[in-house]
Protein backbone atom coordinates (compact mmCIF):
# COMPACT_ATOMS: atom_id res chain seq x y z
CA MET A 1 0.00 0.00 0.00
CA ASN A 2 1.35 3.41 -0.98
CA ASN A 3 0.85 5.84 1.90
CA SER A 4 2.87 8.62 0.31
CA ILE A 5 -0.29 10.30 -1.04
CA ASN A 6 -1.50 10.81 2.55
CA PHE A 7 1.69 12.44 3.77
CA PRO A 8 1.91 14.97 5.38
CA LYS A 9 -1.82 14.92 6.15
CA THR A 10 -1.18 11.70 8.02
CA ARG A 11 1.86 11.59 10.25
CA MET A 12 1.88 8.41 12.32
CA ARG A 13 4.51 9.87 14.61
CA ARG A 14 2.28 12.82 15.54
CA MET A 15 0.37 10.84 18.15
CA ARG A 16 3.62 9.48 19.58
CA TYR A 17 5.05 12.93 20.23
CA HIS A 18 3.49 13.54 23.67
CA ASP A 19 3.30 11.26 26.67
CA PHE A 20 -0.40 12.04 27.16
CA SER A 21 -1.36 10.97 23.63
CA ARG A 22 0.74 7.82 23.82
CA ARG A 23 -1.14 6.93 27.00
CA LEU A 24 -4.53 7.73 25.52
CA MET A 25 -4.07 5.49 22.50
CA ALA A 26 -2.35 2.57 24.27
CA GLU A 27 -4.11 -0.58 23.11
CA ASN A 28 -3.00 -2.73 26.04
CA GLN A 29 -2.08 -2.05 29.64
CA LEU A 30 -0.47 -4.05 32.41
CA SER A 31 -1.76 -3.79 35.96
CA CYS A 32 -1.51 -5.62 39.28
CA ASP A 33 -4.82 -7.26 38.40
CA ASP A 34 -3.01 -9.28 35.72
CA LEU A 35 -0.53 -10.94 38.08
CA ILE A 36 -0.34 -14.36 39.70
CA TYR A 37 2.64 -14.99 41.97
CA PRO A 38 4.10 -18.53 42.04
CA LEU A 39 5.63 -19.51 45.40
CA PHE A 40 7.55 -22.57 46.57
CA VAL A 41 6.75 -23.91 50.03
CA ILE A 42 8.95 -26.14 52.18
CA GLU A 43 8.67 -27.86 55.54
CA GLY A 44 10.07 -26.20 58.66
CA GLN A 45 9.73 -23.02 60.67
CA ASN A 46 11.24 -19.64 59.81
CA LYS A 47 13.09 -21.32 56.97
CA LYS A 48 14.05 -20.11 53.52
CA GLU A 49 16.24 -21.60 50.83
CA THR A 50 17.78 -19.99 47.78
CA ILE A 51 17.45 -21.54 44.32
CA ALA A 52 20.72 -21.32 42.42
CA SER A 53 19.12 -21.37 38.97
CA MET A 54 16.50 -18.75 39.94
CA PRO A 55 18.30 -15.86 41.66
CA GLY A 56 15.93 -13.85 43.83
CA VAL A 57 13.41 -16.68 44.19
CA GLU A 58 13.28 -18.60 47.47
CA ARG A 59 11.61 -21.64 48.94
CA LEU A 60 9.72 -20.59 52.08
CA SER A 61 8.33 -22.39 55.10
CA ILE A 62 4.63 -21.87 55.73
CA ASP A 63 5.06 -19.15 58.36
CA LEU A 64 7.20 -17.07 56.00
CA LEU A 65 4.83 -17.88 53.15
CA VAL A 66 2.02 -16.26 55.13
CA VAL A 67 4.10 -13.10 55.56
CA GLU A 68 4.71 -13.05 51.80
CA ALA A 69 1.01 -13.58 51.14
CA LYS A 70 0.08 -10.59 53.28
CA GLN A 71 2.55 -8.41 51.40
CA CYS A 72 1.22 -9.56 48.04
CA HIS A 73 -2.35 -8.90 49.12
CA ALA A 74 -1.39 -5.38 50.24
CA LEU A 75 0.21 -4.77 46.83
CA GLY A 76 -3.00 -5.76 45.06
CA ILE A 77 -1.88 -9.07 43.57
CA PRO A 78 -5.09 -11.10 43.16
CA MET A 79 -3.75 -14.64 43.52
CA LEU A 80 -0.84 -16.84 44.57
CA ALA A 81 0.09 -20.17 43.02
CA LEU A 82 1.57 -22.73 45.42
CA PHE A 83 4.16 -25.36 44.58
CA PRO A 84 5.23 -27.70 47.39
CA VAL A 85 8.77 -29.00 47.71
CA THR A 86 8.07 -32.52 48.93
CA PRO A 87 10.65 -34.19 51.18
CA ALA A 88 12.24 -37.24 49.56
CA SER A 89 11.11 -39.36 52.49
CA VAL A 90 7.43 -39.12 51.48
CA LYS A 91 7.84 -39.51 47.72
CA SER A 92 6.59 -42.81 46.36
CA ASP A 93 5.65 -44.65 43.19
CA ASP A 94 1.94 -44.17 43.93
CA ALA A 95 2.25 -40.45 44.91
CA ALA A 96 -0.04 -40.96 47.92
CA GLU A 97 1.36 -37.85 49.61
CA ALA A 98 -0.30 -35.75 46.88
CA TYR A 99 -3.71 -36.15 48.53
CA ASN A 100 -2.65 -36.28 52.18
CA PRO A 101 -5.00 -33.83 53.97
CA GLU A 102 -2.07 -32.88 56.20
CA GLY A 103 0.33 -32.56 53.27
CA LEU A 104 2.50 -29.51 52.77
CA ALA A 105 0.34 -27.91 50.10
CA GLN A 106 -2.88 -28.51 52.04
CA ARG A 107 -1.47 -26.96 55.23
CA ALA A 108 -0.10 -24.01 53.28
CA VAL A 109 -3.50 -23.33 51.72
CA ARG A 110 -5.22 -23.35 55.11
CA ALA A 111 -2.63 -21.02 56.60
CA ILE A 112 -2.85 -18.47 53.79
CA LYS A 113 -6.65 -18.49 53.65
CA ALA A 114 -6.79 -17.99 57.43
CA ALA A 115 -4.45 -14.99 57.20
CA CYS A 116 -5.75 -13.51 53.91
CA PRO A 117 -9.26 -14.80 53.19
CA GLU A 118 -9.72 -12.51 50.17
CA LEU A 119 -6.45 -13.49 48.49
CA GLY A 120 -6.93 -16.08 45.78
CA VAL A 121 -4.98 -19.30 46.25
CA MET A 122 -4.27 -21.64 43.38
CA THR A 123 -2.78 -25.10 43.73
CA ASP A 124 -0.88 -27.27 41.30
CA VAL A 125 -2.59 -30.58 40.54
CA ALA A 126 0.15 -32.89 39.29
CA LEU A 127 2.13 -35.75 40.72
CA ASP A 128 5.73 -34.95 39.81
CA PRO A 129 6.58 -33.40 43.22
CA PHE A 130 5.37 -36.62 44.88
CA THR A 131 6.60 -39.44 42.67
CA SER A 132 9.90 -41.18 43.23
CA HIS A 133 10.50 -41.12 39.47
CA GLY A 134 9.70 -37.44 38.84
CA GLN A 135 6.96 -38.02 36.27
CA ASP A 136 3.60 -36.23 36.42
CA GLY A 137 1.73 -39.52 36.72
CA LEU A 138 1.91 -43.15 37.71
CA ILE A 139 4.08 -45.39 35.56
CA ASN A 140 3.83 -49.02 34.48
CA ALA A 141 6.60 -51.63 34.35
CA GLN A 142 7.85 -50.18 31.07
CA GLY A 143 8.14 -46.69 32.54
CA TYR A 144 5.18 -45.35 30.54
CA VAL A 145 2.94 -42.84 32.30
CA VAL A 146 -0.49 -44.46 32.50
CA ASN A 147 -3.41 -42.11 31.98
CA ASP A 148 -6.52 -43.39 33.73
CA ALA A 149 -4.89 -44.58 36.95
CA THR A 150 -3.15 -41.20 37.17
CA VAL A 151 -6.47 -39.38 36.76
CA ASP A 152 -7.85 -41.26 39.76
CA VAL A 153 -5.03 -39.91 41.92
CA LEU A 154 -5.35 -36.40 40.47
CA VAL A 155 -9.01 -36.36 41.45
CA LYS A 156 -8.08 -37.22 45.04
CA GLN A 157 -5.42 -34.52 45.02
CA ALA A 158 -7.80 -31.85 43.68
CA LEU A 159 -10.45 -32.77 46.24
CA SER A 160 -7.93 -32.49 49.09
CA HIS A 161 -6.91 -29.03 47.86
CA ALA A 162 -10.51 -27.86 47.59
CA ALA A 163 -11.27 -29.19 51.07
CA ALA A 164 -8.28 -27.22 52.39
CA GLY A 165 -9.74 -24.03 50.90
CA ALA A 166 -8.04 -23.65 47.53
CA ASP A 167 -9.96 -21.26 45.30
CA VAL A 168 -8.50 -22.61 42.06
CA VAL A 169 -7.15 -26.06 41.28
CA ALA A 170 -4.82 -26.14 38.31
CA PRO A 171 -4.20 -29.54 36.70
CA SER A 172 -0.83 -29.23 34.98
CA ASP A 173 -0.30 -32.93 34.27
CA MET A 174 -1.68 -33.12 30.71
CA MET A 175 -3.53 -36.41 31.26
CA ASP A 176 -6.55 -36.94 29.01
CA GLY A 177 -9.95 -36.63 30.65
CA ARG A 178 -8.75 -35.28 33.97
CA ILE A 179 -10.70 -32.00 33.78
CA GLY A 180 -14.04 -33.77 33.44
CA ALA A 181 -13.22 -36.20 36.24
CA ILE A 182 -12.10 -33.41 38.57
CA ARG A 183 -15.11 -31.23 37.74
CA GLU A 184 -17.54 -34.08 38.44
CA ALA A 185 -15.79 -34.90 41.71
CA LEU A 186 -15.79 -31.27 42.86
CA GLU A 187 -19.49 -30.92 42.14
CA SER A 188 -20.31 -34.16 43.94
CA ALA A 189 -18.32 -33.05 46.99
CA GLY A 190 -20.07 -29.68 47.18
CA HIS A 191 -17.16 -27.61 45.80
CA SER A 192 -19.18 -26.10 42.99
CA ASN A 193 -17.43 -22.72 43.27
CA THR A 194 -13.92 -24.14 43.10
CA GLN A 195 -12.48 -22.98 39.80
CA ILE A 196 -10.42 -25.11 37.43
CA LEU A 197 -7.51 -23.57 35.55
CA ALA A 198 -6.55 -26.22 33.02
CA TYR A 199 -3.00 -26.33 31.74
CA SER A 200 -4.46 -27.15 28.36
CA ALA A 201 -1.53 -26.25 26.13
CA LYS A 202 1.48 -27.29 28.17
CA TYR A 203 4.44 -28.02 25.96
CA ALA A 204 7.30 -30.46 26.53
CA SER A 205 9.63 -27.51 26.84
CA SER A 206 13.27 -27.18 27.81
CA PHE A 207 12.44 -23.93 29.60
CA TYR A 208 11.28 -25.77 32.75
CA GLY A 209 14.71 -26.72 34.07
CA PRO A 210 15.01 -24.21 36.95
CA PHE A 211 11.49 -25.05 38.17
CA ARG A 212 12.39 -28.73 38.44
CA ASP A 213 15.42 -27.68 40.49
CA ALA A 214 13.15 -25.60 42.71
CA VAL A 215 10.66 -28.37 43.52
CA GLY A 216 13.29 -31.09 43.67
CA SER A 217 11.98 -33.26 40.83
CA ALA A 218 14.95 -32.84 38.50
CA GLY A 219 17.02 -35.47 40.26
CA ASN A 220 14.14 -37.96 40.29
CA LEU A 221 13.42 -37.44 36.60
CA GLY A 222 17.08 -37.91 35.67
CA GLU A 223 17.45 -38.57 31.97
CA GLY A 224 13.71 -39.12 31.57
CA ASN A 225 11.40 -36.85 29.60
CA LYS A 226 7.72 -35.97 29.33
CA PHE A 227 7.26 -36.22 25.57
CA SER A 228 4.49 -38.83 25.79
CA TYR A 229 2.03 -36.51 27.52
CA GLN A 230 3.15 -32.89 27.18
CA MET A 231 2.71 -31.21 23.81
CA ASP A 232 5.23 -31.17 20.96
CA PRO A 233 6.66 -27.63 20.54
CA ALA A 234 6.20 -28.08 16.79
CA ASN A 235 2.41 -28.16 17.06
CA SER A 236 -0.14 -25.38 17.08
CA ASP A 237 -3.45 -26.86 15.83
CA GLU A 238 -3.16 -29.56 18.48
CA ALA A 239 -3.27 -26.89 21.19
CA LEU A 240 -6.70 -25.80 20.01
CA ARG A 241 -7.98 -29.37 20.26
CA GLU A 242 -6.61 -29.68 23.78
CA VAL A 243 -8.22 -26.40 24.83
CA GLN A 244 -11.56 -27.32 23.28
CA LEU A 245 -11.65 -30.66 25.08
CA ASP A 246 -10.80 -29.11 28.45
CA LEU A 247 -13.48 -26.45 28.04
CA GLN A 248 -16.04 -29.10 27.13
CA GLU A 249 -15.08 -31.02 30.27
CA GLY A 250 -15.61 -28.03 32.56
CA ALA A 251 -12.47 -25.88 32.68
CA ASP A 252 -13.15 -22.28 33.72
CA MET A 253 -9.82 -20.95 32.41
CA VAL A 254 -7.05 -22.34 30.26
CA MET A 255 -3.28 -22.03 30.45
CA VAL A 256 -0.61 -21.76 27.78
CA LYS A 257 2.83 -22.78 29.04
CA PRO A 258 5.58 -21.64 28.47
CA GLY A 259 4.76 -18.04 27.73
CA MET A 260 6.84 -15.85 25.47
CA PRO A 261 7.98 -18.59 23.04
CA TYR A 262 4.29 -19.45 22.59
CA LEU A 263 2.64 -16.04 22.14
CA ASP A 264 1.17 -17.30 18.86
CA ILE A 265 -0.65 -20.04 20.78
CA ILE A 266 -2.07 -17.52 23.26
CA ARG A 267 -3.43 -15.44 20.38
CA ARG A 268 -4.90 -18.44 18.56
CA VAL A 269 -6.64 -19.70 21.71
CA LYS A 270 -8.05 -16.27 22.54
CA ASP A 271 -9.31 -15.68 19.01
CA GLU A 272 -10.81 -19.14 18.70
CA PHE A 273 -12.58 -19.48 22.05
CA GLY A 274 -12.80 -16.05 23.71
CA VAL A 275 -12.38 -17.59 27.16
CA PRO A 276 -10.07 -16.51 30.00
CA VAL A 277 -6.57 -17.37 28.81
CA PHE A 278 -3.67 -17.39 31.25
CA ALA A 279 0.02 -17.66 30.45
CA TYR A 280 3.00 -18.79 32.49
CA GLN A 281 6.27 -16.89 32.22
CA VAL A 282 8.17 -19.99 33.25
CA SER A 283 11.34 -20.47 35.25
CA GLY A 284 13.61 -20.56 32.21
CA GLU A 285 12.23 -17.27 30.97
CA TYR A 286 12.75 -15.75 34.41
CA ALA A 287 16.30 -17.11 34.63
CA MET A 288 17.27 -15.64 31.26
CA LEU A 289 15.93 -12.19 32.08
CA LYS A 290 17.47 -12.24 35.55
CA ALA A 291 20.89 -13.42 34.37
CA ALA A 292 21.08 -10.86 31.56
CA SER A 293 20.00 -8.12 33.96
CA GLN A 294 22.52 -9.11 36.61
CA ASN A 295 25.25 -8.97 33.98
CA GLY A 296 24.20 -5.45 33.02
CA TRP A 297 23.18 -6.51 29.53
CA LEU A 298 19.51 -5.54 29.97
CA ASP A 299 17.50 -3.05 32.01
CA GLU A 300 15.61 -5.50 34.20
CA GLN A 301 12.55 -3.40 34.96
CA GLN A 302 12.05 -2.28 31.39
CA VAL A 303 12.47 -5.70 29.77
CA VAL A 304 10.28 -7.44 32.35
CA LEU A 305 7.47 -4.94 31.90
CA GLU A 306 7.82 -5.16 28.12
CA SER A 307 7.74 -8.95 28.20
CA LEU A 308 4.59 -9.01 30.31
CA LEU A 309 2.91 -6.42 28.11
CA SER A 310 3.58 -8.73 25.17
CA PHE A 311 1.51 -11.39 26.94
CA LYS A 312 -1.35 -8.93 27.23
CA ARG A 313 -1.02 -7.92 23.60
CA ALA A 314 -1.16 -11.57 22.55
CA GLY A 315 -4.45 -12.03 24.41
CA SER A 316 -3.52 -13.24 27.88
CA ASP A 317 -5.89 -12.23 30.66
CA ALA A 318 -3.49 -13.06 33.49
CA ILE A 319 0.16 -14.03 33.83
CA LEU A 320 1.95 -16.28 36.26
CA THR A 321 5.35 -14.73 36.76
CA TYR A 322 8.08 -14.94 39.37
CA TYR A 323 8.40 -11.19 38.87
CA ALA A 324 4.84 -10.55 40.09
CA LYS A 325 5.77 -8.96 43.41
CA ALA A 326 8.50 -6.81 41.87
CA VAL A 327 6.18 -5.76 39.04
CA ALA A 328 3.44 -4.81 41.49
CA MET A 329 5.89 -2.55 43.30
CA TRP A 330 7.18 -1.06 40.05
CA LEU A 331 3.65 -0.28 38.88
CA LYS A 332 2.77 1.40 42.15
CA GLU A 333 5.92 3.50 41.93
CA GLN A 334 4.93 4.58 38.42
CA GLN A 335 1.44 5.54 39.61
CA SER A 336 2.84 7.65 42.43
């Protein structure tokens, strides 16, 4: 298209000249309302542990987790996402600790909801923190993750989280049929208002490495992989099928994971279904931004805010990010 005939009547730069006009015509905005803060919880009292591959992120005991929750609530962050670091002594082939009513995740949920009733709490429904082999499900003699038996355990896990007070259960396991089974079980148990965030388009990504270090599943997984149940990074149409099935089974929201390498998937899902679409800026994304910033190669605040705005532009309604607390503080500073 030849725009030369419109120049200088039309100058695209004219509206970019002033700050006020740039603000008025901004198509997307990032706010605290868009943020979900993932947190790692460990056993103990007044205990915190650093994570070498995720500088600035810590594992926290429940008492310190409650302090963090109160700070997040005061900053206006709507929801936390909890990830338990299960002691090796209670990991097993059958992942029974996943649905222990006195398990680490269940106790953490109760503690946070008692301290901050209005703060949303989301729990991870998957078995990898609880299995001795590090897979997201139960395995057979050949080492293959079996679907239906795993779903039975996931249902028990989700019910235990809902009973503890979780507002949102988030199956991240990628087993077939688990959303419908969990929804039916929640309804039958009287948890009709418990929301399901389905990790519908979760890819078998290499960006998850630091997370597996954080929850202690990397060593259990060893040289294993999750190709037989997580999605192939080469596929896009398949993501739409996965999302459609989860919505039909009763998902309230859907997740695309990882985030920035899969912005095209976020946009396709939003355009196709028009449902709440969440994205996860995963541990590998965080680690890259943090490392480059610590080396002075990038302006941390600017690149983080830009990266999260790209999620919004692609169609994401909310973003799980390890930067959530920092971003909330940055945004408040900008407002003041």
